[in-house]
Protein backbone atom coordinates (compact mmCIF):
# COMPACT_ATOMS: atom_id res chain seq x y z
CA MET A 1 42.77 -144.62 -151.12
CA ALA A 2 42.82 -147.83 -153.19
CA VAL A 3 46.11 -149.70 -153.47
CA SER A 4 47.39 -149.79 -157.04
CA VAL A 5 47.70 -153.23 -158.64
CA LEU A 6 50.97 -151.95 -160.13
CA ARG A 7 52.48 -151.41 -156.67
CA MET A 8 55.64 -153.46 -156.15
CA PRO A 9 55.84 -156.42 -156.65
CA GLY A 10 53.42 -155.44 -159.38
CA LEU A 11 51.42 -157.36 -161.94
CA TYR A 12 53.77 -160.34 -162.16
CA PRO A 13 55.24 -161.19 -158.75
CA GLY A 14 58.00 -163.78 -158.96
CA ARG A 15 58.14 -163.67 -162.77
CA VAL A 16 61.43 -162.76 -164.47
CA VAL A 17 62.15 -162.69 -168.20
CA GLU A 18 65.78 -162.87 -169.27
CA ILE A 19 66.69 -162.15 -172.89
CA SER A 20 70.19 -163.08 -174.02
CA ASP A 21 71.78 -162.02 -177.30
CA GLU A 22 75.55 -161.80 -177.59
CA ARG A 23 75.17 -159.50 -180.60
CA CYS A 24 73.79 -156.72 -178.38
CA ILE A 25 77.30 -155.72 -177.29
CA VAL A 26 80.34 -156.07 -179.54
CA ALA A 27 83.69 -154.38 -178.85
CA ASN A 28 81.98 -152.60 -175.94
CA ARG A 29 79.41 -151.01 -178.24
CA VAL A 30 75.72 -151.62 -177.63
CA SER A 31 73.62 -152.31 -180.72
CA GLN A 32 70.50 -150.14 -180.86
CA SER A 33 68.65 -152.49 -183.19
CA ILE A 34 69.42 -155.61 -181.16
CA VAL A 35 68.42 -154.15 -177.80
CA ARG A 36 65.19 -152.95 -179.44
CA GLN A 37 64.40 -156.53 -180.44
CA MET A 38 65.35 -157.80 -176.98
CA ILE A 39 63.11 -155.33 -175.15
CA GLU A 40 60.23 -155.96 -177.53
CA GLN A 41 60.49 -159.72 -177.08
CA GLY A 42 60.88 -159.34 -173.33
CA MET A 43 57.76 -157.19 -173.03
CA ARG A 44 55.74 -159.67 -175.08
CA GLU A 45 56.90 -162.57 -172.93
CA LEU A 46 56.37 -160.74 -169.65
CA THR A 47 52.84 -159.54 -170.41
CA GLY A 48 51.59 -162.28 -172.75
CA GLU A 49 50.60 -159.59 -175.26
CA ASN A 50 51.73 -159.89 -178.88
CA ASP A 51 50.74 -156.28 -179.50
CA LEU A 52 53.50 -154.08 -178.04
CA LEU A 53 51.12 -151.16 -177.53
CA LEU A 54 48.92 -153.36 -175.36
CA ALA A 55 51.97 -154.65 -173.49
CA TRP A 56 53.25 -151.17 -172.60
CA SER A 57 49.71 -149.94 -171.89
CA LYS A 58 49.53 -152.33 -168.95
CA PHE A 59 51.94 -149.96 -167.18
CA ILE A 60 51.74 -146.56 -168.86
CA GLN A 61 48.80 -144.39 -169.97
CA PRO A 62 48.88 -141.26 -172.14
CA GLN A 63 48.11 -138.97 -169.17
CA ASP A 64 51.12 -140.22 -167.17
CA THR A 65 54.27 -138.28 -166.43
CA VAL A 66 56.95 -140.95 -166.66
CA GLY A 67 60.28 -141.07 -164.89
CA ILE A 68 62.99 -143.33 -166.26
CA LYS A 69 65.31 -144.00 -163.33
CA ILE A 70 68.75 -144.72 -164.76
CA ASN A 71 71.92 -145.77 -163.00
CA SER A 72 74.61 -143.31 -164.03
CA SER A 73 77.07 -144.14 -161.25
CA GLY A 74 79.97 -145.94 -162.86
CA ALA A 75 79.75 -143.80 -165.99
CA PRO A 76 81.19 -143.96 -168.52
CA ALA A 77 82.41 -147.57 -168.15
CA CYS A 78 79.22 -149.15 -166.84
CA CYS A 79 75.95 -147.26 -166.56
CA SER A 80 72.42 -147.64 -167.95
CA SER A 81 72.99 -147.82 -171.71
CA PRO A 82 71.61 -144.80 -173.57
CA GLU A 83 70.54 -147.22 -176.32
CA ILE A 84 68.20 -148.99 -173.89
CA VAL A 85 66.96 -145.68 -172.50
CA ARG A 86 66.13 -144.48 -176.03
CA GLU A 87 64.08 -147.62 -176.69
CA ILE A 88 62.12 -147.15 -173.47
CA VAL A 89 61.47 -143.51 -174.36
CA ALA A 90 60.20 -144.59 -177.79
CA ALA A 91 57.89 -147.16 -176.23
CA VAL A 92 56.49 -144.68 -173.71
CA ARG A 93 55.87 -142.17 -176.49
CA SER A 94 54.12 -144.86 -178.55
CA VAL A 95 51.51 -145.13 -175.78
CA GLY A 96 50.77 -141.42 -176.19
CA VAL A 97 52.97 -139.76 -173.56
CA PRO A 98 54.53 -136.59 -175.03
CA ALA A 99 58.31 -136.19 -174.81
CA ARG A 100 57.95 -133.23 -172.44
CA ASN A 101 56.29 -135.55 -169.91
CA ILE A 102 59.18 -138.00 -169.85
CA TYR A 103 62.04 -137.52 -167.39
CA VAL A 104 65.34 -139.40 -167.47
CA TYR A 105 66.76 -138.90 -164.01
CA ASP A 106 69.24 -139.97 -161.36
CA ARG A 107 70.66 -138.54 -158.14
CA TYR A 108 73.76 -136.74 -159.35
CA ALA A 109 73.74 -134.34 -162.29
CA TYR A 110 77.50 -134.65 -162.79
CA GLU A 111 77.25 -138.43 -163.27
CA ILE A 112 74.48 -137.93 -165.83
CA ASP A 113 76.79 -135.54 -167.68
CA ILE A 114 79.65 -138.06 -167.63
CA GLY A 115 77.26 -140.60 -169.16
CA SER A 116 76.35 -138.10 -171.93
CA TYR A 117 72.63 -138.76 -171.61
CA ARG A 118 71.50 -135.23 -172.48
CA PRO A 119 72.62 -135.28 -176.13
CA LEU A 120 71.76 -138.97 -176.55
CA VAL A 121 68.05 -139.01 -175.68
CA PRO A 122 65.33 -137.73 -178.04
CA LEU A 123 64.65 -134.02 -178.27
CA GLY A 124 62.11 -132.80 -175.73
CA VAL A 125 62.78 -135.49 -173.13
CA ARG A 126 63.87 -133.92 -169.85
CA VAL A 127 67.15 -135.12 -168.37
CA THR A 128 67.58 -134.10 -164.76
CA GLY A 129 69.78 -134.72 -161.76
CA ILE A 130 68.19 -134.56 -158.33
CA GLN A 131 71.37 -133.05 -156.88
CA GLU A 132 73.75 -130.64 -158.56
CA GLN A 133 76.40 -131.34 -155.92
CA LYS A 134 76.93 -133.64 -152.94
CA LEU A 135 75.26 -131.51 -150.25
CA ASP A 136 72.49 -130.03 -152.39
CA VAL A 137 69.08 -130.74 -150.79
CA SER A 138 66.91 -128.51 -152.99
CA GLY A 139 65.66 -131.47 -155.02
CA TYR A 140 64.24 -133.32 -152.01
CA ASP A 141 60.82 -133.22 -150.38
CA PRO A 142 61.06 -132.16 -146.71
CA ASN A 143 57.74 -133.85 -145.96
CA VAL A 144 58.64 -137.38 -147.11
CA PHE A 145 61.51 -139.11 -145.38
CA CYS A 146 62.90 -142.33 -143.97
CA GLU A 147 64.38 -142.09 -140.47
CA ALA A 148 66.94 -144.47 -138.95
CA ASN A 149 69.99 -144.18 -136.69
CA PHE A 150 72.85 -146.56 -137.45
CA PHE A 151 76.07 -145.16 -136.04
CA GLY A 152 74.86 -142.25 -133.93
CA GLU A 153 74.99 -139.90 -136.92
CA TRP A 154 73.71 -136.37 -136.31
CA GLU A 155 71.25 -136.43 -139.25
CA THR A 156 69.07 -139.54 -139.08
CA ARG A 157 66.67 -138.68 -141.90
CA SER A 158 66.90 -139.40 -145.61
CA TYR A 159 64.49 -137.38 -147.75
CA MET A 160 62.69 -138.52 -150.88
CA ALA A 161 63.40 -136.79 -154.17
CA SER A 162 60.65 -134.37 -155.14
CA ILE A 163 60.58 -135.76 -158.66
CA VAL A 164 59.40 -139.04 -157.12
CA SER A 165 57.12 -137.70 -154.40
CA SER A 166 55.26 -135.20 -156.58
CA GLY A 167 56.81 -134.95 -160.05
CA VAL A 168 56.14 -138.20 -161.92
CA SER A 169 53.20 -140.58 -161.83
CA LYS A 170 55.03 -143.73 -163.03
CA ILE A 171 58.63 -144.91 -162.82
CA ILE A 172 60.42 -147.35 -165.11
CA ASN A 173 63.53 -148.53 -163.30
CA VAL A 174 66.64 -149.18 -165.44
CA PRO A 175 69.36 -150.55 -163.15
CA THR A 176 72.62 -152.08 -164.28
CA MET A 177 73.95 -155.51 -163.37
CA LYS A 178 76.75 -154.84 -160.87
CA ASP A 179 78.28 -156.02 -157.67
CA HIS A 180 78.51 -153.52 -154.81
CA SER A 181 81.17 -153.21 -152.13
CA ALA A 182 78.59 -152.75 -149.34
CA ALA A 183 75.25 -154.10 -150.58
CA GLY A 184 76.70 -157.16 -152.34
CA VAL A 185 74.95 -156.25 -155.57
CA THR A 186 73.31 -153.12 -156.83
CA GLY A 187 70.19 -153.93 -158.80
CA CYS A 188 66.55 -152.88 -158.97
CA LEU A 189 66.14 -152.32 -155.23
CA LYS A 190 69.28 -150.33 -154.60
CA ASN A 191 68.87 -148.26 -157.75
CA LEU A 192 65.44 -147.23 -156.52
CA GLY A 193 66.12 -146.83 -152.79
CA TYR A 194 69.54 -145.21 -152.75
CA GLY A 195 68.77 -143.39 -155.99
CA THR A 196 65.63 -141.77 -154.59
CA PHE A 197 66.66 -140.69 -151.08
CA ASN A 198 69.51 -138.47 -149.95
CA ASN A 199 71.91 -138.96 -147.04
CA VAL A 200 72.47 -142.65 -147.70
CA ASP A 201 76.24 -142.74 -147.19
CA ARG A 202 75.54 -142.68 -143.46
CA SER A 203 74.51 -146.34 -143.68
CA HIS A 204 78.17 -147.29 -144.29
CA ARG A 205 81.04 -147.12 -141.86
CA ARG A 206 83.89 -149.42 -142.82
CA PRO A 207 83.82 -152.32 -142.56
CA PHE A 208 80.13 -152.33 -141.62
CA SER A 209 77.06 -151.45 -143.66
CA PHE A 210 73.35 -151.21 -142.97
CA THR A 211 72.26 -151.44 -146.60
CA ASP A 212 70.24 -154.25 -145.06
CA PRO A 213 67.65 -153.17 -143.95
CA LEU A 214 67.77 -149.62 -145.34
CA ILE A 215 67.41 -150.49 -149.04
CA GLY A 216 64.19 -152.42 -148.53
CA ILE A 217 62.77 -149.90 -146.10
CA MET A 218 63.33 -147.07 -148.57
CA CYS A 219 61.70 -149.00 -151.41
CA SER A 220 58.67 -149.57 -149.18
CA VAL A 221 58.03 -145.86 -148.69
CA GLU A 222 55.10 -144.42 -150.62
CA PRO A 223 54.67 -143.11 -153.21
CA LEU A 224 57.88 -144.73 -154.50
CA ARG A 225 56.53 -148.23 -153.99
CA SER A 226 53.39 -147.58 -156.03
CA LYS A 227 55.03 -145.54 -158.79
CA ALA A 228 57.81 -148.02 -159.70
CA VAL A 229 55.78 -150.21 -162.05
CA LEU A 230 58.36 -151.86 -164.33
CA HIS A 231 62.04 -152.86 -164.06
CA ILE A 232 64.28 -153.35 -167.10
CA MET A 233 67.76 -154.36 -165.97
CA ASP A 234 70.62 -153.53 -168.32
CA GLY A 235 72.84 -156.60 -168.29
CA THR A 236 74.59 -155.85 -171.55
CA ARG A 237 77.60 -155.32 -169.30
CA MET A 238 78.07 -157.05 -165.95
CA VAL A 239 80.36 -155.60 -163.30
CA TRP A 240 81.42 -158.63 -161.26
CA HIS A 241 83.88 -156.76 -159.02
CA GLY A 242 84.67 -153.15 -158.17
CA GLY A 243 81.09 -151.95 -158.24
CA PRO A 244 79.44 -149.61 -158.28
CA LEU A 245 82.08 -147.20 -159.60
CA THR A 246 84.77 -149.31 -161.26
CA GLN A 247 86.32 -148.24 -164.53
CA ASN A 248 88.52 -151.35 -164.65
CA PRO A 249 87.73 -153.28 -167.87
CA ASP A 250 89.05 -156.49 -166.28
CA PHE A 251 85.96 -156.56 -164.06
CA ILE A 252 83.38 -155.65 -166.72
CA PHE A 253 82.02 -158.61 -168.66
CA PRO A 254 79.88 -158.28 -171.83
CA ALA A 255 77.06 -160.48 -170.55
CA GLY A 256 74.64 -159.55 -173.35
CA LEU A 257 71.50 -159.65 -171.20
CA ILE A 258 68.33 -157.67 -170.57
CA VAL A 259 66.19 -158.78 -167.63
CA LEU A 260 62.58 -157.62 -167.22
CA GLY A 261 59.85 -157.88 -164.63
CA THR A 262 57.67 -156.07 -162.12
CA ASP A 263 59.15 -157.81 -159.07
CA PRO A 264 62.43 -156.12 -158.07
CA VAL A 265 63.23 -158.75 -155.45
CA ALA A 266 62.94 -161.61 -157.93
CA ILE A 267 65.07 -159.81 -160.53
CA ASP A 268 67.76 -158.97 -157.98
CA THR A 269 67.77 -162.59 -156.78
CA ILE A 270 68.58 -163.68 -160.34
CA GLU A 271 71.18 -160.92 -160.67
CA LEU A 272 72.87 -162.05 -157.43
CA GLU A 273 72.95 -165.62 -158.73
CA LYS A 274 74.64 -164.54 -161.95
CA ILE A 275 77.24 -162.33 -160.28
CA GLU A 276 78.05 -165.08 -157.78
CA ALA A 277 78.54 -167.54 -160.66
CA LYS A 278 80.84 -165.14 -162.51
CA ARG A 279 82.89 -164.41 -159.39
CA SER A 280 83.26 -168.12 -158.75
CA LYS A 281 84.40 -168.71 -162.32
CA GLU A 282 86.98 -165.93 -161.96
CA GLY A 283 88.22 -167.29 -158.62
CA ALA A 284 86.92 -164.31 -156.62
CA PRO A 285 85.42 -164.71 -153.13
CA SER A 286 81.67 -164.94 -152.72
CA VAL A 287 79.83 -161.70 -151.97
CA TRP A 288 78.57 -163.59 -148.91
CA SER A 289 82.12 -163.90 -147.55
CA ARG A 290 82.76 -162.77 -143.98
CA ASP A 291 86.51 -163.36 -144.03
CA PRO A 292 88.18 -160.36 -142.35
CA ALA A 293 91.38 -161.11 -144.30
CA SER A 294 89.61 -159.93 -147.46
CA LEU A 295 88.97 -156.45 -146.08
CA THR A 296 91.04 -153.44 -147.05
CA THR A 297 90.93 -149.75 -146.24
CA ASP A 298 92.66 -149.01 -149.54
CA GLY A 299 90.10 -148.09 -152.19
CA GLY A 300 92.72 -148.49 -154.87
CA ALA A 301 93.34 -152.09 -153.85
CA TYR A 302 89.62 -152.85 -154.04
CA PHE A 303 89.42 -151.57 -157.61
CA GLN A 304 92.41 -153.69 -158.69
CA ASP A 305 92.12 -156.91 -156.70
CA ALA A 306 88.99 -159.09 -156.83
CA ALA A 307 90.02 -160.77 -153.57
CA LYS A 308 89.65 -157.50 -151.65
CA ASN A 309 86.61 -155.68 -150.35
CA LEU A 310 85.83 -152.53 -148.35
CA PHE A 311 82.90 -153.88 -146.28
CA TYR A 312 81.26 -157.01 -145.04
CA ARG A 313 78.74 -157.11 -147.86
CA GLN A 314 74.99 -157.30 -147.31
CA PRO A 315 73.45 -159.31 -150.18
CA HIS A 316 70.72 -160.45 -147.80
CA HIS A 317 69.14 -157.02 -148.30
CA ILE A 318 67.28 -158.70 -151.18
CA ALA A 319 65.61 -161.34 -149.02
CA ALA A 320 64.92 -158.68 -146.37
CA ALA A 321 63.06 -156.63 -148.99
CA GLY A 322 61.07 -159.73 -149.81
CA LYS A 323 59.98 -160.01 -146.18
CA LEU A 324 58.69 -156.44 -146.47
CA GLY A 325 56.36 -157.60 -149.25
CA LEU A 326 58.32 -156.08 -152.14
CA GLY A 327 58.68 -159.36 -153.98
CA ILE A 328 59.79 -162.98 -153.95
CA SER A 329 63.33 -164.01 -153.03
CA ASP A 330 62.85 -167.77 -152.69
CA ARG A 331 64.54 -169.12 -155.82
CA LYS A 332 62.16 -172.08 -155.94
CA GLN A 333 59.22 -169.71 -156.24
CA ILE A 334 60.72 -167.53 -158.97
CA GLU A 335 59.55 -168.25 -162.51
CA LEU A 336 62.58 -167.48 -164.67
CA GLN A 337 61.95 -167.52 -168.41
CA THR A 338 65.25 -167.56 -170.27
CA ILE A 339 65.31 -166.74 -173.99
CA ARG A 340 68.61 -167.05 -175.82
CA VAL A 341 68.46 -165.41 -179.22
CA ALA A 342 72.13 -165.69 -180.21
């Protein structure tokens, strides 16, 4: 079987387009019209096509069944903005994909409900959670799995969601810009890997985590790798501490960004750079820190104190994914195009 040219790192390896417009989020409200302009400009810059239909048609065809992989963990304070999701739905429909063939999905149905996606997306679009509850395995494909043993756990397999293995033909990944207590950051790679497979909590045992190498390994598994053709990171809000679940407004910054590309490693490298810069500005330790004095077993302390953490973080999972061929992590080789509108 021929390898798809859209397979990660996709059509534009190492290329990242960052659109900045402070008007896109005011008083914690995302502007529909401004994010529409940002996505449109980003797609033109990424693809080199002035015609938006031609730009989107590089990734999506009318016969596709399209999954929009959101990040609803952290809802309602910081999750994939419904305003951005609506614009992506509109773009996919403009190519000729009917609403009934578009799925907005994530792992947990209850987090989707907290984010209020069902009433906020266009009529006919299917909103679905892979799991109704924590131990529900009915939404996973028993024939596609990733196997690894980290701590001697009794179940060493993580199974791929059926919606990915056999449900959709293309995936547009819509991660948020957040730090993560174990992975360092949660971006394109983690949203895809840990949002597609079950039984991922087993990779953490305080204070240690095996998000490196598991995130990259999971993203390498087919057909996920070939179906994830475009990444649109929601950076309207940036969680610089307390991720992925914080509701603390002190750690959520209105960054006013949307970051686009086909290379998840390159995008996450830029995300890591930005979160590191913000943490430094706020006087918080680097996500690369290995100081045992920063560790706490108190989850409440972690969500209130930017000097505390639950794990030795693993931000090098991004570079590890690059070594697996998923993209470019060397900053000198990443072509970052920054467009500041306002």
